[in-house]
N, C-alpha and C. Protein backbone atom coordinates (compact mmCIF):
# COMPACT_ATOMS: atom_id res chain seq x y z
N PRO A 1 10.31 9.77 -0.71
CA PRO A 1 10.69 8.42 -1.14
C PRO A 1 9.83 7.94 -2.29
N ARG A 2 10.38 7.05 -3.05
CA ARG A 2 9.64 6.45 -4.16
C ARG A 2 9.04 5.13 -3.70
N LEU A 3 7.96 4.76 -4.35
CA LEU A 3 7.38 3.45 -4.10
C LEU A 3 8.20 2.40 -4.83
N ALA A 4 8.07 1.17 -4.43
CA ALA A 4 8.85 0.09 -5.03
C ALA A 4 8.39 -0.24 -6.45
N SER A 5 7.18 0.19 -6.80
CA SER A 5 6.61 -0.13 -8.11
C SER A 5 5.99 1.12 -8.72
N ASP A 6 6.05 1.20 -10.05
CA ASP A 6 5.41 2.31 -10.75
C ASP A 6 4.01 1.94 -11.24
N GLU A 7 3.54 0.77 -10.84
CA GLU A 7 2.21 0.30 -11.25
C GLU A 7 1.12 1.21 -10.68
N PRO A 8 -0.03 1.30 -11.35
CA PRO A 8 -1.15 2.08 -10.80
C PRO A 8 -1.57 1.52 -9.44
N ILE A 9 -2.12 2.37 -8.62
CA ILE A 9 -2.57 1.97 -7.29
C ILE A 9 -4.09 1.96 -7.25
N PHE A 10 -4.63 0.88 -6.70
CA PHE A 10 -6.07 0.74 -6.55
C PHE A 10 -6.39 0.58 -5.07
N PHE A 11 -7.53 1.09 -4.66
CA PHE A 11 -7.94 1.12 -3.26
C PHE A 11 -7.91 -0.26 -2.60
N ASP A 12 -8.39 -1.27 -3.32
CA ASP A 12 -8.56 -2.58 -2.71
C ASP A 12 -7.62 -3.65 -3.27
N HIS A 13 -6.50 -3.22 -3.86
CA HIS A 13 -5.49 -4.16 -4.36
C HIS A 13 -4.20 -4.01 -3.55
N PRO A 14 -3.47 -5.08 -3.35
CA PRO A 14 -2.20 -4.99 -2.63
C PRO A 14 -1.24 -4.00 -3.30
N VAL A 15 -0.49 -3.29 -2.47
CA VAL A 15 0.45 -2.28 -2.96
C VAL A 15 1.87 -2.67 -2.54
N ASP A 16 2.81 -2.46 -3.45
CA ASP A 16 4.22 -2.66 -3.14
C ASP A 16 4.79 -1.29 -2.76
N PHE A 17 4.72 -0.98 -1.47
CA PHE A 17 5.12 0.33 -0.97
C PHE A 17 6.64 0.50 -0.92
N GLY A 18 7.36 -0.60 -0.84
CA GLY A 18 8.80 -0.52 -0.59
C GLY A 18 9.09 -0.42 0.89
N ASP A 19 8.13 -0.85 1.70
CA ASP A 19 8.25 -0.84 3.16
C ASP A 19 7.74 -2.20 3.64
N PRO A 20 8.62 -3.06 4.13
CA PRO A 20 8.20 -4.43 4.47
C PRO A 20 7.06 -4.52 5.48
N GLU A 21 6.89 -3.52 6.31
CA GLU A 21 5.82 -3.58 7.32
C GLU A 21 4.43 -3.41 6.72
N ILE A 22 4.34 -2.79 5.54
CA ILE A 22 3.02 -2.58 4.94
C ILE A 22 2.91 -3.14 3.52
N ASP A 23 4.01 -3.63 2.95
CA ASP A 23 3.98 -4.21 1.60
C ASP A 23 2.93 -5.32 1.51
N GLY A 24 2.25 -5.37 0.36
CA GLY A 24 1.30 -6.44 0.10
C GLY A 24 -0.08 -6.20 0.68
N LYS A 25 -0.27 -5.08 1.34
CA LYS A 25 -1.58 -4.73 1.88
C LYS A 25 -2.20 -3.64 1.01
N SER A 26 -3.51 -3.59 1.00
CA SER A 26 -4.20 -2.55 0.23
C SER A 26 -4.44 -1.33 1.11
N ILE A 27 -4.75 -0.23 0.48
CA ILE A 27 -5.13 0.98 1.22
C ILE A 27 -6.34 0.66 2.09
N ALA A 28 -7.31 -0.06 1.51
CA ALA A 28 -8.53 -0.43 2.26
C ALA A 28 -8.20 -1.19 3.53
N GLU A 29 -7.23 -2.09 3.48
CA GLU A 29 -6.83 -2.86 4.67
C GLU A 29 -6.13 -1.96 5.69
N LEU A 30 -5.22 -1.14 5.21
CA LEU A 30 -4.39 -0.35 6.11
C LEU A 30 -5.18 0.69 6.90
N ILE A 31 -6.23 1.26 6.29
CA ILE A 31 -7.00 2.28 7.02
C ILE A 31 -7.84 1.67 8.14
N LYS A 32 -7.95 0.35 8.16
CA LYS A 32 -8.66 -0.33 9.25
C LYS A 32 -7.70 -0.83 10.32
N GLY A 33 -6.41 -0.62 10.07
CA GLY A 33 -5.39 -1.13 10.97
C GLY A 33 -5.02 -0.16 12.08
N LYS A 34 -3.80 -0.35 12.57
CA LYS A 34 -3.28 0.45 13.68
C LYS A 34 -2.13 1.32 13.19
N PRO A 35 -1.99 2.53 13.73
CA PRO A 35 -0.88 3.39 13.31
C PRO A 35 0.46 2.82 13.75
N ARG A 36 1.47 3.09 12.95
CA ARG A 36 2.84 2.69 13.29
C ARG A 36 3.58 3.81 14.00
N PHE A 37 3.14 5.03 13.73
CA PHE A 37 3.78 6.21 14.29
C PHE A 37 2.71 7.11 14.90
N SER A 38 3.11 7.98 15.79
CA SER A 38 2.18 8.90 16.43
C SER A 38 1.47 9.77 15.40
N PRO A 39 0.16 9.95 15.52
CA PRO A 39 -0.55 10.82 14.59
C PRO A 39 -0.23 12.30 14.81
N VAL A 40 0.27 12.63 15.99
CA VAL A 40 0.64 14.00 16.33
C VAL A 40 1.99 13.94 17.05
N GLU A 41 2.95 14.72 16.57
CA GLU A 41 4.27 14.71 17.18
C GLU A 41 4.18 15.00 18.68
N GLY A 42 4.83 14.17 19.47
CA GLY A 42 4.87 14.37 20.91
C GLY A 42 3.70 13.78 21.67
N LEU A 43 2.72 13.22 20.97
CA LEU A 43 1.55 12.63 21.63
C LEU A 43 1.97 11.38 22.39
N ASP A 44 1.55 11.28 23.63
CA ASP A 44 1.92 10.14 24.47
C ASP A 44 1.45 8.83 23.81
N LYS A 45 2.30 7.82 23.85
CA LYS A 45 1.99 6.53 23.22
C LYS A 45 0.71 5.90 23.76
N SER A 46 0.40 6.16 25.01
CA SER A 46 -0.80 5.55 25.61
C SER A 46 -2.08 6.03 24.92
N VAL A 47 -2.01 7.16 24.25
CA VAL A 47 -3.19 7.72 23.57
C VAL A 47 -3.46 7.01 22.25
N TRP A 48 -2.40 6.58 21.55
CA TRP A 48 -2.60 6.05 20.20
C TRP A 48 -2.09 4.63 19.97
N GLU A 49 -1.08 4.20 20.68
CA GLU A 49 -0.47 2.91 20.40
C GLU A 49 -1.45 1.76 20.65
N GLY A 50 -1.55 0.86 19.68
CA GLY A 50 -2.42 -0.29 19.80
C GLY A 50 -3.88 -0.01 19.47
N LYS A 51 -4.19 1.22 19.11
CA LYS A 51 -5.57 1.57 18.76
C LYS A 51 -5.73 1.57 17.24
N HIS A 52 -6.92 1.33 16.78
CA HIS A 52 -7.20 1.29 15.35
C HIS A 52 -7.46 2.69 14.81
N CYS A 53 -7.08 2.90 13.54
CA CYS A 53 -7.26 4.19 12.89
C CYS A 53 -8.73 4.64 12.92
N ASP A 54 -9.64 3.67 12.78
CA ASP A 54 -11.06 4.03 12.73
C ASP A 54 -11.62 4.42 14.10
N GLY A 55 -10.78 4.38 15.13
CA GLY A 55 -11.20 4.90 16.44
C GLY A 55 -11.28 6.41 16.45
N CYS A 56 -10.51 7.04 15.56
CA CYS A 56 -10.51 8.51 15.46
C CYS A 56 -11.02 9.00 14.12
N HIS A 57 -10.90 8.17 13.09
CA HIS A 57 -11.28 8.57 11.73
C HIS A 57 -12.41 7.69 11.23
N GLU A 58 -13.21 8.27 10.37
CA GLU A 58 -14.26 7.50 9.70
C GLU A 58 -13.93 7.47 8.21
N TRP A 59 -12.76 6.88 7.90
CA TRP A 59 -12.33 6.83 6.52
C TRP A 59 -13.18 5.86 5.72
N ASN A 60 -13.51 6.28 4.53
CA ASN A 60 -14.06 5.39 3.51
C ASN A 60 -13.37 5.80 2.21
N GLU A 61 -13.66 5.13 1.14
CA GLU A 61 -12.95 5.38 -0.11
C GLU A 61 -13.12 6.83 -0.58
N ALA A 62 -14.32 7.37 -0.52
CA ALA A 62 -14.57 8.74 -1.00
C ALA A 62 -13.86 9.78 -0.13
N ARG A 63 -13.95 9.65 1.18
CA ARG A 63 -13.30 10.61 2.08
C ARG A 63 -11.78 10.55 1.94
N LEU A 64 -11.26 9.36 1.84
CA LEU A 64 -9.82 9.21 1.71
C LEU A 64 -9.34 9.75 0.36
N CYS A 65 -10.15 9.62 -0.66
CA CYS A 65 -9.81 10.19 -1.97
C CYS A 65 -9.65 11.70 -1.86
N GLU A 66 -10.58 12.37 -1.18
CA GLU A 66 -10.48 13.83 -1.01
C GLU A 66 -9.21 14.21 -0.27
N GLN A 67 -8.88 13.50 0.80
CA GLN A 67 -7.65 13.78 1.54
C GLN A 67 -6.43 13.51 0.68
N SER A 68 -6.47 12.45 -0.09
CA SER A 68 -5.34 12.08 -0.94
C SER A 68 -5.10 13.10 -2.04
N LYS A 69 -6.16 13.73 -2.51
CA LYS A 69 -6.01 14.80 -3.51
C LYS A 69 -5.22 15.96 -2.92
N ASN A 70 -5.39 16.23 -1.62
CA ASN A 70 -4.59 17.27 -0.96
C ASN A 70 -3.12 16.89 -0.96
N PHE A 71 -2.82 15.63 -0.68
CA PHE A 71 -1.42 15.18 -0.70
C PHE A 71 -0.84 15.34 -2.11
N ALA A 72 -1.62 15.01 -3.13
CA ALA A 72 -1.14 15.10 -4.51
C ALA A 72 -0.92 16.55 -4.92
N ALA A 73 -1.79 17.45 -4.46
CA ALA A 73 -1.70 18.87 -4.84
C ALA A 73 -0.59 19.60 -4.09
N ASN A 74 -0.27 19.15 -2.91
CA ASN A 74 0.73 19.80 -2.06
C ASN A 74 1.89 18.86 -1.83
N ASP A 75 2.66 18.64 -2.87
CA ASP A 75 3.72 17.64 -2.85
C ASP A 75 4.66 17.77 -1.65
N VAL A 76 4.96 18.99 -1.22
CA VAL A 76 5.88 19.21 -0.11
C VAL A 76 5.30 18.63 1.19
N SER A 77 4.00 18.75 1.39
CA SER A 77 3.40 18.26 2.64
C SER A 77 3.49 16.74 2.75
N VAL A 78 3.65 16.07 1.62
CA VAL A 78 3.76 14.62 1.66
C VAL A 78 4.98 14.20 2.48
N LEU A 79 6.04 14.95 2.36
CA LEU A 79 7.28 14.57 3.04
C LEU A 79 7.50 15.32 4.34
N ARG A 80 6.88 16.47 4.50
CA ARG A 80 7.14 17.33 5.65
C ARG A 80 6.68 16.70 6.97
N LEU A 81 5.51 16.09 6.98
CA LEU A 81 4.96 15.52 8.20
C LEU A 81 4.85 14.00 8.09
N GLN A 82 5.28 13.33 9.12
CA GLN A 82 5.19 11.87 9.16
C GLN A 82 3.71 11.45 9.21
N HIS A 83 3.36 10.44 8.47
CA HIS A 83 2.01 9.89 8.51
C HIS A 83 2.01 8.72 9.49
N PRO A 84 0.92 8.49 10.21
CA PRO A 84 0.88 7.37 11.16
C PRO A 84 1.17 6.00 10.53
N LEU A 85 0.96 5.86 9.22
CA LEU A 85 1.29 4.60 8.55
C LEU A 85 2.59 4.71 7.74
N GLY A 86 3.30 5.81 7.89
CA GLY A 86 4.58 5.99 7.21
C GLY A 86 4.49 6.87 5.99
N THR A 87 5.61 7.46 5.63
CA THR A 87 5.66 8.38 4.50
C THR A 87 5.32 7.70 3.18
N ARG A 88 5.74 6.47 3.01
CA ARG A 88 5.44 5.77 1.75
C ARG A 88 3.94 5.55 1.57
N PHE A 89 3.21 5.39 2.66
CA PHE A 89 1.75 5.28 2.56
C PHE A 89 1.19 6.60 2.04
N LYS A 90 1.70 7.70 2.54
CA LYS A 90 1.25 9.02 2.10
C LYS A 90 1.57 9.24 0.62
N VAL A 91 2.75 8.82 0.19
CA VAL A 91 3.13 8.92 -1.22
C VAL A 91 2.18 8.07 -2.07
N ALA A 92 1.84 6.88 -1.59
CA ALA A 92 0.92 6.00 -2.31
C ALA A 92 -0.47 6.63 -2.42
N LEU A 93 -0.92 7.30 -1.36
CA LEU A 93 -2.23 7.97 -1.42
C LEU A 93 -2.23 9.06 -2.48
N ALA A 94 -1.15 9.83 -2.54
CA ALA A 94 -1.05 10.89 -3.55
C ALA A 94 -1.09 10.28 -4.96
N LYS A 95 -0.36 9.19 -5.15
CA LYS A 95 -0.34 8.53 -6.46
C LYS A 95 -1.72 7.95 -6.80
N TRP A 96 -2.39 7.40 -5.81
CA TRP A 96 -3.74 6.86 -6.00
C TRP A 96 -4.68 7.98 -6.45
N ALA A 97 -4.58 9.14 -5.82
CA ALA A 97 -5.42 10.29 -6.20
C ALA A 97 -5.10 10.75 -7.62
N GLN A 98 -3.83 10.80 -7.96
CA GLN A 98 -3.43 11.22 -9.31
C GLN A 98 -3.98 10.27 -10.36
N GLY A 99 -4.18 9.02 -9.99
CA GLY A 99 -4.73 8.02 -10.90
C GLY A 99 -6.25 7.98 -10.91
N GLY A 100 -6.89 8.89 -10.20
CA GLY A 100 -8.35 8.96 -10.21
C GLY A 100 -9.03 8.22 -9.08
N CYS A 101 -8.29 7.83 -8.05
CA CYS A 101 -8.87 7.16 -6.87
C CYS A 101 -9.68 5.92 -7.26
N LYS A 102 -9.08 5.06 -8.05
CA LYS A 102 -9.78 3.85 -8.51
C LYS A 102 -9.58 2.70 -7.55
C-alpha cells in the first residue's frame, strides 16, 4: 500500500499513513503504544492484546532506524508479514529509513 502523502517522514512528526487508526501520530508515539494486530500469527490474544510495544521491545530511534533499513532493503518483506501496527506503518518505516532516519 501507499501512504496518503509523499512528504518526507520524520521520527517525531505526525505522519499521514492513510490509516485512520494511526493517522496524525508520529513513529515516536506509535512505538510506545499498543499493537493493533498480533505480533506473531496465531498468538493468543491474551499474550499481546492491551499490552504496550515496549513490554517486549526496547525501541529507540537508532534501533528502529536499523530495523527500518531492513524493511527498505527487502521490499517484499514489507508486505509479506503483517506488522503489529499495520502494513502502512511498516511502509512508513521503510520510507523513513530511505530518507536517512531523520
